[in-house]
Amino acid sequence: MFDEYGQDAVEAWRSVWAGRDAAVITGEGSRFDLIDPLFGSLRSSTEFFSKPTDAFDDLPRLVDQVVASGLDLALLSLGPAATVAADMLAARGVQALDIGHLSASYLNVLEGAALPEEMPTARRVAAEVTAK
């Protein structure tokens, strides 16, 4: 989308959550980042963290936390578990969007960063720094 539509794609995404409060669900140490060019239109965000991989068994806890927060929009970047979490949240009245590598894709196409799959996770970066 960013390749084809550039800044128009950015504005389209920003309009989805403009002025809204969102739950942001991701794995600890994730590559995901709420970069301002895409998410600066949010009124506020609250982060909810799960396991860095294989988060499926953590979904009931996560969904309960998000529902209890009262937030009616969830932005998910949680690998394959995000799709299941989105369905679980929608069934409980929360608009849920699996946005996956959206930030990394923006950075790759519009700012020349590495492909999303080539970007290090925060956990890997921390381990590399510690090892040096």
Protein backbone atom coordinates (compact mmCIF):
# COMPACT_ATOMS: atom_id res chain seq x y z
CA MET A 1 0.00 0.00 0.00
CA PHE A 2 2.82 2.43 0.85
CA ASP A 3 4.57 1.57 -2.44
CA GLU A 4 1.45 2.33 -4.45
CA TYR A 5 -0.12 5.20 -2.52
CA GLY A 6 2.65 6.76 -0.40
CA GLN A 7 1.43 9.59 1.81
CA ASP A 8 -2.21 8.94 0.85
CA ALA A 9 -1.84 5.49 2.45
CA VAL A 10 -0.42 7.09 5.59
CA GLU A 11 -3.37 9.47 5.82
CA ALA A 12 -5.84 6.64 5.22
CA TRP A 13 -4.38 4.65 8.12
CA ARG A 14 -4.21 7.70 10.40
CA SER A 15 -7.90 8.36 9.75
CA VAL A 16 -8.84 4.91 11.09
CA TRP A 17 -7.78 5.79 14.65
CA ALA A 18 -7.81 9.59 14.56
CA GLY A 19 -8.84 11.03 17.92
CA ARG A 20 -9.37 7.60 19.48
CA ASP A 21 -7.92 5.87 22.52
CA ALA A 22 -6.39 2.50 21.64
CA ALA A 23 -5.08 -0.63 23.26
CA VAL A 24 -1.83 -1.60 21.58
CA ILE A 25 -1.13 -5.31 21.89
CA THR A 26 2.29 -6.71 21.05
CA GLY A 27 4.84 -9.19 22.28
CA GLU A 28 7.57 -8.16 24.71
CA GLY A 29 10.66 -7.18 22.75
CA SER A 30 8.65 -6.80 19.55
CA ARG A 31 9.79 -4.88 16.47
CA PHE A 32 6.53 -2.95 16.57
CA ASP A 33 6.71 0.76 17.32
CA LEU A 34 4.01 3.42 17.51
CA ILE A 35 5.77 5.77 15.13
CA ASP A 36 4.35 9.27 15.02
CA PRO A 37 3.87 9.51 11.24
CA LEU A 38 1.32 6.66 11.45
CA PHE A 39 -0.03 6.84 14.98
CA GLY A 40 0.28 10.52 15.89
CA SER A 41 -3.46 10.94 15.30
CA LEU A 42 -4.31 8.70 18.30
CA ARG A 43 -5.64 10.59 21.29
CA SER A 44 -3.95 8.07 23.59
CA SER A 45 -2.63 4.53 23.70
CA THR A 46 -2.20 1.91 26.39
CA GLU A 47 0.21 -0.95 25.79
CA PHE A 48 -0.57 -4.56 26.62
CA PHE A 49 2.28 -7.05 26.33
CA SER A 50 2.23 -10.77 25.74
CA LYS A 51 4.91 -13.39 25.25
CA PRO A 52 7.40 -12.63 22.47
CA THR A 53 6.47 -15.83 20.59
CA ASP A 54 3.64 -18.38 20.63
CA ALA A 55 1.24 -16.04 22.43
CA PHE A 56 -1.84 -18.18 21.82
CA ASP A 57 -2.11 -19.50 25.38
CA ASP A 58 -1.85 -15.94 26.73
CA LEU A 59 -4.80 -14.63 24.71
CA PRO A 60 -7.54 -15.15 27.34
CA ARG A 61 -5.56 -13.00 29.83
CA LEU A 62 -4.82 -10.33 27.22
CA VAL A 63 -8.40 -10.15 25.99
CA ASP A 64 -9.72 -9.88 29.56
CA GLN A 65 -7.26 -7.05 30.30
CA VAL A 66 -8.22 -5.10 27.20
CA VAL A 67 -11.94 -5.53 27.80
CA ALA A 68 -11.50 -4.49 31.45
CA SER A 69 -9.64 -1.35 30.32
CA GLY A 70 -12.80 -0.08 28.63
CA LEU A 71 -10.93 0.71 25.42
CA ASP A 72 -13.00 0.02 22.30
CA LEU A 73 -10.14 -0.11 19.77
CA ALA A 74 -7.26 -2.59 19.79
CA LEU A 75 -4.28 -2.45 17.45
CA LEU A 76 -2.52 -5.81 17.34
CA SER A 77 0.98 -6.72 16.27
CA LEU A 78 1.35 -10.18 17.76
CA GLY A 79 2.23 -12.52 14.93
CA PRO A 80 -0.25 -15.28 14.09
CA ALA A 81 -1.89 -14.90 17.50
CA ALA A 82 -3.07 -11.40 16.54
CA THR A 83 -5.66 -12.76 14.12
CA VAL A 84 -7.17 -14.99 16.81
CA ALA A 85 -7.01 -12.19 19.39
CA ALA A 86 -8.78 -9.83 16.98
CA ASP A 87 -11.64 -12.30 16.64
CA MET A 88 -11.85 -12.80 20.41
CA LEU A 89 -11.87 -9.04 21.04
CA ALA A 90 -14.46 -8.37 18.33
CA ALA A 91 -16.73 -10.98 19.92
CA ARG A 92 -16.54 -8.89 23.11
CA GLY A 93 -17.33 -5.57 21.43
CA VAL A 94 -13.83 -4.23 20.79
CA GLN A 95 -12.89 -3.09 17.29
CA ALA A 96 -9.67 -5.00 16.70
CA LEU A 97 -7.21 -4.55 13.85
CA ASP A 98 -4.30 -6.88 13.16
CA ILE A 99 -1.80 -4.30 11.89
CA GLY A 100 1.20 -6.63 11.91
CA HIS A 101 4.29 -5.01 10.37
CA LEU A 102 2.57 -1.72 9.56
CA SER A 103 5.20 0.50 11.23
CA ALA A 104 8.11 -1.46 9.81
CA SER A 105 6.55 -1.45 6.34
CA TYR A 106 6.14 2.31 6.50
CA LEU A 107 9.77 2.69 7.57
CA ASN A 108 10.95 0.32 4.82
CA VAL A 109 9.07 1.93 1.95
CA LEU A 110 8.99 5.60 2.92
CA GLU A 111 12.22 5.93 4.91
CA GLY A 112 14.44 3.26 3.35
CA ALA A 113 14.78 1.07 6.45
CA ALA A 114 15.34 -2.70 6.31
CA LEU A 115 12.52 -5.08 5.45
CA PRO A 116 10.36 -5.82 8.51
CA GLU A 117 11.57 -9.42 8.75
CA GLU A 118 15.19 -8.25 8.68
CA MET A 119 14.82 -5.79 11.55
CA PRO A 120 16.16 -7.00 14.88
CA THR A 121 13.75 -7.42 17.77
CA ALA A 122 14.37 -5.31 20.85
CA ARG A 123 15.25 -8.48 22.75
CA ARG A 124 17.90 -9.46 20.18
CA VAL A 125 19.33 -5.92 20.15
CA ALA A 126 19.56 -5.92 23.97
CA ALA A 127 21.30 -9.33 23.92
CA GLU A 128 23.80 -8.10 21.29
CA VAL A 129 24.59 -4.97 23.32
CA THR A 130 25.02 -7.02 26.50
CA ALA A 131 27.36 -9.44 24.71
CA LYS A 132 29.69 -6.65 23.54
